[in-house]
C-alpha atoms as a PDB file:
ATOM      1  CA  MET A   1      11.989  -9.827   0.030  1.00  0.00           C
ATOM      2  CA  GLN A   2       8.441 -11.139  -0.462  1.00  0.00           C
ATOM      3  CA  ASN A   3       7.329 -12.515  -3.855  1.00  0.00           C
ATOM      4  CA  ILE A   4      10.824 -13.220  -5.097  1.00  0.00           C
ATOM      5  CA  LYS A   5      11.720 -16.668  -6.264  1.00  0.00           C
ATOM      6  CA  LEU A   6      15.429 -17.304  -5.939  1.00  0.00           C
ATOM      7  CA  ASN A   7      16.868 -19.235  -8.875  1.00  0.00           C
ATOM      8  CA  LEU A   8      20.565 -19.742  -8.341  1.00  0.00           C
ATOM      9  CA  ILE A   9      23.209 -21.041 -10.638  1.00  0.00           C
ATOM     10  CA  ILE A  10      26.295 -21.998  -8.656  1.00  0.00           C
ATOM     11  CA  ILE A  11      29.785 -22.619  -9.909  1.00  0.00           C
ATOM     12  CA  SER A  12      31.716 -24.032  -7.012  1.00  0.00           C
ATOM     13  CA  ASN A  13      34.411 -26.580  -6.342  1.00  0.00           C
ATOM     14  CA  GLN A  14      34.223 -26.038  -2.586  1.00  0.00           C
ATOM     15  CA  GLU A  15      32.672 -29.185  -1.135  1.00  0.00           C
ATOM     16  CA  LYS A  16      31.859 -27.639   2.255  1.00  0.00           C
ATOM     17  CA  PHE A  17      30.170 -24.649   0.586  1.00  0.00           C
ATOM     18  CA  ASN A  18      28.201 -26.896  -1.783  1.00  0.00           C
ATOM     19  CA  ALA A  19      27.016 -29.092   1.077  1.00  0.00           C
ATOM     20  CA  ASN A  20      25.817 -26.088   3.098  1.00  0.00           C
ATOM     21  CA  ILE A  21      24.198 -23.994   0.356  1.00  0.00           C
ATOM     22  CA  GLU A  22      20.682 -25.148   1.284  1.00  0.00           C
ATOM     23  CA  LYS A  23      21.293 -24.175   4.917  1.00  0.00           C
ATOM     24  CA  PHE A  24      22.520 -20.735   3.820  1.00  0.00           C
ATOM     25  CA  ILE A  25      19.511 -20.174   1.590  1.00  0.00           C
ATOM     26  CA  SER A  26      17.048 -21.244   4.299  1.00  0.00           C
ATOM     27  CA  HIS A  27      18.097 -18.131   6.268  1.00  0.00           C
ATOM     28  CA  ILE A  28      16.796 -15.839   3.523  1.00  0.00           C
ATOM     29  CA  ASP A  29      13.191 -14.656   3.670  1.00  0.00           C
ATOM     30  CA  ILE A  30      11.975 -15.842   0.266  1.00  0.00           C
ATOM     31  CA  GLU A  31       9.125 -18.011  -0.944  1.00  0.00           C
ATOM     32  CA  HIS A  32      11.096 -20.541  -2.920  1.00  0.00           C
ATOM     33  CA  ALA A  33      14.649 -21.271  -3.957  1.00  0.00           C
ATOM     34  CA  GLU A  34      16.043 -23.528  -6.641  1.00  0.00           C
ATOM     35  CA  TYR A  35      19.679 -24.000  -7.460  1.00  0.00           C
ATOM     36  CA  ASN A  36      21.829 -25.838  -9.934  1.00  0.00           C
ATOM     37  CA  PHE A  37      25.514 -26.544  -9.894  1.00  0.00           C
ATOM     38  CA  VAL A  38      27.702 -26.093 -12.961  1.00  0.00           C
ATOM     39  CA  ASN A  39      31.352 -27.155 -13.181  1.00  0.00           C
ATOM     40  CA  SER A  40      32.757 -24.354 -15.301  1.00  0.00           C
ATOM     41  CA  ILE A  41      32.221 -20.651 -15.820  1.00  0.00           C
ATOM     42  CA  CYS A  42      32.279 -21.287 -19.571  1.00  0.00           C
ATOM     43  CA  LEU A  43      29.238 -23.616 -19.306  1.00  0.00           C
ATOM     44  CA  ILE A  44      26.874 -21.034 -17.835  1.00  0.00           C
ATOM     45  CA  THR A  45      26.177 -19.181 -21.088  1.00  0.00           C
ATOM     46  CA  LYS A  46      23.137 -21.313 -21.934  1.00  0.00           C
ATOM     47  CA  PHE A  47      21.770 -20.941 -18.403  1.00  0.00           C
ATOM     48  CA  ILE A  48      22.086 -17.152 -18.462  1.00  0.00           C
ATOM     49  CA  LYS A  49      20.430 -16.887 -21.881  1.00  0.00           C
ATOM     50  CA  ALA A  50      17.482 -18.958 -20.617  1.00  0.00           C
ATOM     51  CA  ASP A  51      16.532 -15.920 -18.488  1.00  0.00           C
ATOM     52  CA  TYR A  52      15.507 -18.243 -15.661  1.00  0.00           C
ATOM     53  CA  TYR A  53      18.218 -17.620 -13.115  1.00  0.00           C
ATOM     54  CA  ASN A  54      18.384 -14.416 -11.129  1.00  0.00           C
ATOM     55  CA  LEU A  55      21.578 -14.984  -9.157  1.00  0.00           C
ATOM     56  CA  LEU A  56      24.959 -16.379 -10.123  1.00  0.00           C
ATOM     57  CA  ILE A  57      27.363 -17.468  -7.386  1.00  0.00           C
ATOM     58  CA  ILE A  58      30.924 -18.431  -8.237  1.00  0.00           C
ATOM     59  CA  ASN A  59      33.076 -19.940  -5.499  1.00  0.00           C
ATOM     60  CA  LYS A  60      36.207 -21.659  -6.753  1.00  0.00           C
ATOM     61  CA  LYS A  61      39.641 -22.307  -5.277  1.00  0.00           C
ATOM     62  CA  GLU A  62      41.494 -21.390  -8.449  1.00  0.00           C
ATOM     63  CA  TYR A  63      40.548 -18.887 -11.095  1.00  0.00           C
ATOM     64  CA  ILE A  64      41.774 -18.486 -14.615  1.00  0.00           C
ATOM     65  CA  ILE A  65      41.144 -14.803 -15.192  1.00  0.00           C
ATOM     66  CA  SER A  66      40.240 -15.348 -18.866  1.00  0.00           C
ATOM     67  CA  GLU A  67      37.287 -17.510 -17.712  1.00  0.00           C
ATOM     68  CA  PHE A  68      35.486 -14.314 -16.776  1.00  0.00           C
ATOM     69  CA  ASP A  69      35.481 -13.080 -20.376  1.00  0.00           C
ATOM     70  CA  SER A  70      32.475 -15.310 -21.085  1.00  0.00           C
ATOM     71  CA  LEU A  71      30.600 -13.585 -18.243  1.00  0.00           C
ATOM     72  CA  LEU A  72      31.456 -10.146 -19.567  1.00  0.00           C
ATOM     73  CA  ASP A  73      30.366 -11.105 -23.096  1.00  0.00           C
ATOM     74  CA  ASN A  74      26.880 -12.199 -21.972  1.00  0.00           C
ATOM     75  CA  ASN A  75      23.913  -9.963 -21.331  1.00  0.00           C
ATOM     76  CA  MET A  76      23.496 -10.263 -17.561  1.00  0.00           C
ATOM     77  CA  LYS A  77      21.285  -7.253 -16.884  1.00  0.00           C
ATOM     78  CA  ASN A  78      18.676  -9.167 -14.862  1.00  0.00           C
ATOM     79  CA  ILE A  79      20.969 -11.527 -13.061  1.00  0.00           C
ATOM     80  CA  GLY A  80      22.835 -10.686  -9.894  1.00  0.00           C
ATOM     81  CA  SER A  81      26.276 -12.030  -9.258  1.00  0.00           C
ATOM     82  CA  LEU A  82      28.412 -12.893  -6.303  1.00  0.00           C
ATOM     83  CA  ILE A  83      32.005 -13.914  -6.954  1.00  0.00           C
ATOM     84  CA  ILE A  84      33.813 -15.390  -3.943  1.00  0.00           C
ATOM     85  CA  VAL A  85      37.595 -15.476  -4.242  1.00  0.00           C
ATOM     86  CA  ASP A  86      40.519 -16.064  -1.938  1.00  0.00           C
ATOM     87  CA  LYS A  87      42.545 -13.107  -0.659  1.00  0.00           C
ATOM     88  CA  ASP A  88      45.372 -13.727  -3.126  1.00  0.00           C
ATOM     89  CA  ASN A  89      43.125 -13.454  -6.208  1.00  0.00           C
ATOM     90  CA  TYR A  90      40.761 -10.773  -4.913  1.00  0.00           C
ATOM     91  CA  LEU A  91      42.321  -7.676  -6.511  1.00  0.00           C
ATOM     92  CA  LYS A  92      42.897  -9.380  -9.846  1.00  0.00           C
ATOM     93  CA  VAL A  93      39.269 -10.589 -10.105  1.00  0.00           C
ATOM     94  CA  PHE A  94      37.808  -7.393  -8.606  1.00  0.00           C
ATOM     95  CA  ASN A  95      39.640  -5.145 -11.077  1.00  0.00           C
ATOM     96  CA  LYS A  96      38.359  -7.224 -13.992  1.00  0.00           C
ATOM     97  CA  LEU A  97      34.702  -7.384 -12.927  1.00  0.00           C
ATOM     98  CA  TYR A  98      33.617  -4.524 -10.665  1.00  0.00           C
ATOM     99  CA  LYS A  99      32.809  -2.050 -13.480  1.00  0.00           C
ATOM    100  CA  SER A 100      30.378  -4.584 -14.954  1.00  0.00           C
ATOM    101  CA  GLY A 101      28.301  -4.762 -11.755  1.00  0.00           C
ATOM    102  CA  PHE A 102      29.670  -7.995 -10.299  1.00  0.00           C
ATOM    103  CA  ILE A 103      29.984  -8.193  -6.529  1.00  0.00           C
ATOM    104  CA  VAL A 104      33.397  -9.630  -5.686  1.00  0.00           C
ATOM    105  CA  VAL A 105      34.214 -10.615  -2.086  1.00  0.00           C
ATOM    106  CA  SER A 106      37.158 -12.366  -0.536  1.00  0.00           C
ATOM    107  CA  THR A 107      37.265 -15.278   1.854  1.00  0.00           C
ATOM    108  CA  PRO A 108      36.819 -15.936   4.690  1.00  0.00           C
ATOM    109  CA  LEU A 109      33.119 -15.118   4.300  1.00  0.00           C
ATOM    110  CA  SER A 110      30.770 -15.520   7.249  1.00  0.00           C
ATOM    111  CA  VAL A 111      27.308 -17.013   6.795  1.00  0.00           C
ATOM    112  CA  SER A 112      25.654 -13.750   7.869  1.00  0.00           C
ATOM    113  CA  ARG A 113      27.670 -11.700   5.344  1.00  0.00           C
ATOM    114  CA  PHE A 114      26.902 -14.244   2.620  1.00  0.00           C
ATOM    115  CA  ILE A 115      23.170 -13.999   3.351  1.00  0.00           C
ATOM    116  CA  GLU A 116      23.279 -10.190   3.326  1.00  0.00           C
ATOM    117  CA  LEU A 117      25.046 -10.221  -0.047  1.00  0.00           C
ATOM    118  CA  ILE A 118      22.363 -12.488  -1.518  1.00  0.00           C
ATOM    119  CA  LYS A 119      19.639 -10.192  -0.133  1.00  0.00           C
ATOM    120  CA  LEU A 120      21.428  -7.187  -1.612  1.00  0.00           C
ATOM    121  CA  ASN A 121      21.588  -8.900  -5.004  1.00  0.00           C
ATOM    122  CA  LEU A 122      17.893  -9.807  -4.891  1.00  0.00           C
ATOM    123  CA  LEU A 123      16.892  -6.258  -3.961  1.00  0.00           C
ATOM    124  CA  SER A 124      18.989  -4.922  -6.824  1.00  0.00           C
ATOM    125  CA  ILE A 125      17.400  -7.354  -9.286  1.00  0.00           C
ATOM    126  CA  LYS A 126      13.908  -6.473  -8.059  1.00  0.00           C
ATOM    127  CA  LYS A 127      14.619  -2.757  -8.588  1.00  0.00           C
ATOM    128  CA  LYS A 128      16.042  -3.365 -12.077  1.00  0.00           C
ATOM    129  CA  ILE A 129      12.970  -5.357 -13.107  1.00  0.00           C
ATOM    130  CA  LYS A 130      10.609  -2.697 -11.687  1.00  0.00           C
ATOM    131  CA  TYR A 131      12.529  -0.002 -13.548  1.00  0.00           C
ATOM    132  CA  GLU A 132      12.299  -1.935 -16.813  1.00  0.00           C
ATOM    133  CA  LEU A 133       8.554  -2.479 -16.347  1.00  0.00           C
ATOM    134  CA  ASP A 134       8.041   1.219 -15.585  1.00  0.00           C
ATOM    135  CA  LEU A 135      10.089   2.160 -18.636  1.00  0.00           C
ATOM    136  CA  LYS A 136       8.065  -0.190 -20.842  1.00  0.00           C
ATOM    137  CA  LYS A 137       4.804   1.264 -19.501  1.00  0.00           C
ATOM    138  CA  TYR A 138       6.087   4.793 -20.155  1.00  0.00           C
ATOM    139  CA  GLU A 139       7.069   3.907 -23.728  1.00  0.00           C
ATOM    140  CA  GLU A 140       3.656   2.316 -24.336  1.00  0.00           C
ATOM    141  CA  THR A 141       1.944   5.448 -22.978  1.00  0.00           C
ATOM    142  CA  LYS A 142       4.000   7.576 -25.371  1.00  0.00           C
ATOM    143  CA  ILE A 143       2.909   5.441 -28.342  1.00  0.00           C
ATOM    144  CA  ILE A 144      -0.745   5.639 -27.294  1.00  0.00           C
ATOM    145  CA  ASP A 145      -0.400   9.435 -26.944  1.00  0.00           C
ATOM    146  CA  ILE A 146       1.051   9.662 -30.457  1.00  0.00           C
ATOM    147  CA  ALA A 147      -1.912   7.669 -31.803  1.00  0.00           C
ATOM    148  CA  LYS A 148      -4.322   9.977 -29.948  1.00  0.00           C
ATOM    149  CA  SER A 149      -2.538  13.024 -31.355  1.00  0.00           C
ATOM    150  CA  LEU A 150      -2.876  11.646 -34.882  1.00  0.00           C
ATOM    151  CA  LEU A 151      -6.595  11.101 -34.333  1.00  0.00           C
ATOM    152  CA  ILE A 152      -6.984  14.622 -32.923  1.00  0.00           C
ATOM    153  CA  VAL A 153      -5.252  16.194 -35.917  1.00  0.00           C
ATOM    154  CA  ASN A 154      -6.574  13.970 -38.712  1.00  0.00           C
ATOM    155  CA  GLU A 155     -10.043  13.016 -37.460  1.00  0.00           C
ATOM    156  CA  ARG A 156     -10.793  16.252 -35.569  1.00  0.00           C
ATOM    157  CA  LYS A 157     -11.491  14.436 -32.308  1.00  0.00           C
ATOM    158  CA  ASN A 158     -10.800  15.834 -28.858  1.00  0.00           C
ATOM    159  CA  GLU A 159      -8.467  13.911 -26.525  1.00  0.00           C
ATOM    160  CA  GLU A 160     -11.258  12.081 -24.714  1.00  0.00           C
ATOM    161  CA  GLU A 161     -12.906  11.011 -27.978  1.00  0.00           C
ATOM    162  CA  ALA A 162      -9.571   9.859 -29.375  1.00  0.00           C
ATOM    163  CA  HIS A 163      -8.874   7.811 -26.251  1.00  0.00           C
ATOM    164  CA  LYS A 164     -12.346   6.222 -26.309  1.00  0.00           C
ATOM    165  CA  TYR A 165     -11.923   5.476 -30.011  1.00  0.00           C
ATOM    166  CA  ILE A 166      -8.620   3.645 -29.349  1.00  0.00           C
ATOM    167  CA  GLU A 167     -10.186   1.703 -26.461  1.00  0.00           C
ATOM    168  CA  LYS A 168     -13.228   0.698 -28.545  1.00  0.00           C
ATOM    169  CA  LEU A 169     -11.103  -0.289 -31.538  1.00  0.00           C
ATOM    170  CA  SER A 170      -8.874  -2.276 -29.215  1.00  0.00           C
ATOM    171  CA  MET A 171     -11.866  -4.168 -27.834  1.00  0.00           C
ATOM    172  CA  ASP A 172     -13.298  -4.742 -31.330  1.00  0.00           C
ATOM    173  CA  LEU A 173      -9.965  -6.064 -32.594  1.00  0.00           C
ATOM    174  CA  ARG A 174      -9.335  -7.960 -29.345  1.00  0.00           C
ATOM    175  CA  LYS A 175      -5.854  -6.495 -29.203  1.00  0.00           C
ATOM    176  CA  PRO A 176      -3.969  -4.697 -26.427  1.00  0.00           C
ATOM    177  CA  LEU A 177      -4.129  -0.888 -26.471  1.00  0.00           C
ATOM    178  CA  ILE A 178      -0.484  -0.665 -27.500  1.00  0.00           C
ATOM    179  CA  LYS A 179      -1.047  -2.861 -30.586  1.00  0.00           C
ATOM    180  CA  THR A 180      -4.085  -0.813 -31.562  1.00  0.00           C
ATOM    181  CA  ALA A 181      -2.147   2.429 -31.122  1.00  0.00           C
ATOM    182  CA  GLU A 182       0.677   1.056 -33.289  1.00  0.00           C
ATOM    183  CA  TYR A 183      -1.892   0.102 -35.928  1.00  0.00           C
ATOM    184  CA  ILE A 184      -3.353   3.629 -35.901  1.00  0.00           C
ATOM    185  CA  ILE A 185       0.105   5.159 -36.209  1.00  0.00           C
ATOM    186  CA  SER A 186       0.922   2.894 -39.157  1.00  0.00           C
ATOM    187  CA  GLU A 187      -2.281   4.027 -40.894  1.00  0.00           C
ATOM    188  CA  TYR A 188      -1.375   7.716 -40.638  1.00  0.00           C
ATOM    189  CA  ILE A 189       2.386   7.670 -41.060  1.00  0.00           C
END
């Protein structure tokens, strides 16, 4: 879990849980953790859109099932979630949220299980972010290859010459390779 900063947003009306959250988090092997408490599920929209938080924990005594609609409507692809519910509400909340990637657990919840669920969420987030970075790099490589292909066909350069040309132009323009490749493509297409 190295190099992950834990930024929690917590919706909880459980005083004992709120008082012990720092103790729970101290058991997790991370560099730094910050957390904020919010009173209502409906109020978290602005926090999620800020793209700062990477884990949402909801722990309330009573749930209004329609409250979760605001969670489902938001783009939460890079935020993990842990919804803690009592046994009576578990199936109702689970059935509403599990297909959207929310982790729903019922009480009682031991400290060790809670910590493992946070670690699981963080690992999942880390893998999602790595996947997105790899995908972005792949897409950038494809664009650069298209620009090289255009130079090969239109300027009669070989692949190495085309690549060196893009690198030199990129340095001359003081732009990233991807921007230079996009410029070349726009000139030929």
